[in-house]
Amino acid sequence: MRLVLLLLVVAIVVALLVPLLRRPVARARRVPSAVHDELVKDPVCQTYVVRSRAVSGADGAPYFCSADCARRYSG
């Protein structure tokens, strides 16, 4: 009887601990958002801009901090 009770307690403890131990592993596998939002350098004014906020040029031209810098680069 004691063995059954002991096994029941161990099963409950394991059932409670497994989800808690999986959470840090799942967080470690995530890709940081900063990797996708890297800094790019404007070739006209030499400032760094976050890629998601930068103005992209036509036909594979580099990224710019503003539409004015993009016009200066192409003109």
Protein backbone atom coordinates (compact mmCIF):
# COMPACT_ATOMS: atom_id res chain seq x y z
CA MET A 1 0.00 0.00 0.00
CA ARG A 2 2.86 2.38 0.82
CA LEU A 3 4.48 1.61 -2.51
CA VAL A 4 1.32 2.53 -4.43
CA LEU A 5 1.01 5.78 -2.50
CA LEU A 6 4.66 6.60 -3.12
CA LEU A 7 4.28 5.90 -6.86
CA LEU A 8 1.19 8.10 -6.98
CA VAL A 9 3.04 11.01 -5.33
CA VAL A 10 6.00 10.60 -7.68
CA ALA A 11 3.67 10.56 -10.71
CA ILE A 12 1.96 13.77 -9.57
CA VAL A 13 5.29 15.51 -8.98
CA VAL A 14 6.59 14.48 -12.38
CA ALA A 15 3.35 15.59 -14.05
CA LEU A 16 3.72 19.02 -12.46
CA LEU A 17 7.43 19.43 -13.17
CA VAL A 18 7.56 18.36 -16.84
CA PRO A 19 5.68 21.43 -18.20
CA LEU A 20 7.80 23.73 -16.07
CA LEU A 21 11.01 22.19 -17.38
CA ARG A 22 9.89 22.42 -21.02
CA ARG A 23 9.26 26.19 -20.94
CA PRO A 24 12.92 27.31 -20.76
CA VAL A 25 13.82 24.94 -23.59
CA ALA A 26 11.10 26.40 -25.82
CA ARG A 27 12.25 29.95 -25.08
CA ALA A 28 15.86 29.11 -25.92
CA ARG A 29 14.87 27.84 -29.38
CA ARG A 30 13.11 31.06 -30.40
CA VAL A 31 14.91 33.34 -32.82
CA PRO A 32 15.37 36.80 -31.34
CA SER A 33 13.42 39.49 -33.14
CA ALA A 34 16.53 41.66 -33.33
CA VAL A 35 17.99 39.32 -35.93
CA HIS A 36 15.21 40.19 -38.37
CA ASP A 37 15.39 43.90 -37.57
CA GLU A 38 19.06 44.61 -38.18
CA LEU A 39 20.67 47.99 -38.83
CA VAL A 40 21.53 49.02 -42.38
CA LYS A 41 23.74 51.93 -43.40
CA ASP A 42 22.44 54.71 -45.62
CA PRO A 43 25.07 55.25 -48.38
CA VAL A 44 24.19 58.95 -48.77
CA CYS A 45 24.21 60.38 -45.25
CA GLN A 46 26.05 57.46 -43.58
CA THR A 47 23.43 56.97 -40.83
CA TYR A 48 22.23 53.62 -39.56
CA VAL A 49 18.55 52.78 -39.89
CA VAL A 50 16.51 49.79 -38.72
CA ARG A 51 15.81 47.73 -41.84
CA SER A 52 12.05 47.51 -41.24
CA ARG A 53 11.81 51.32 -41.13
CA ALA A 54 14.25 52.06 -43.95
CA VAL A 55 13.24 53.22 -47.42
CA SER A 56 14.36 50.66 -49.99
CA GLY A 57 15.65 51.75 -53.33
CA ALA A 58 14.54 50.46 -56.73
CA ASP A 59 16.00 47.32 -58.32
CA GLY A 60 18.04 46.04 -55.39
CA ALA A 61 19.52 49.40 -54.42
CA PRO A 62 20.56 49.81 -50.80
CA TYR A 63 18.35 50.97 -47.94
CA PHE A 64 17.98 54.66 -47.10
CA CYS A 65 16.93 56.65 -44.04
CA SER A 66 14.50 58.79 -46.04
CA ALA A 67 12.99 59.27 -49.48
CA ASP A 68 15.19 62.37 -49.89
CA CYS A 69 18.36 60.29 -49.53
CA ALA A 70 16.98 57.76 -52.01
CA ARG A 71 16.39 60.55 -54.55
CA ARG A 72 19.89 61.94 -54.01
CA TYR A 73 21.39 58.48 -54.55
CA SER A 74 19.56 57.85 -57.82
CA GLY A 75 19.85 61.42 -59.13
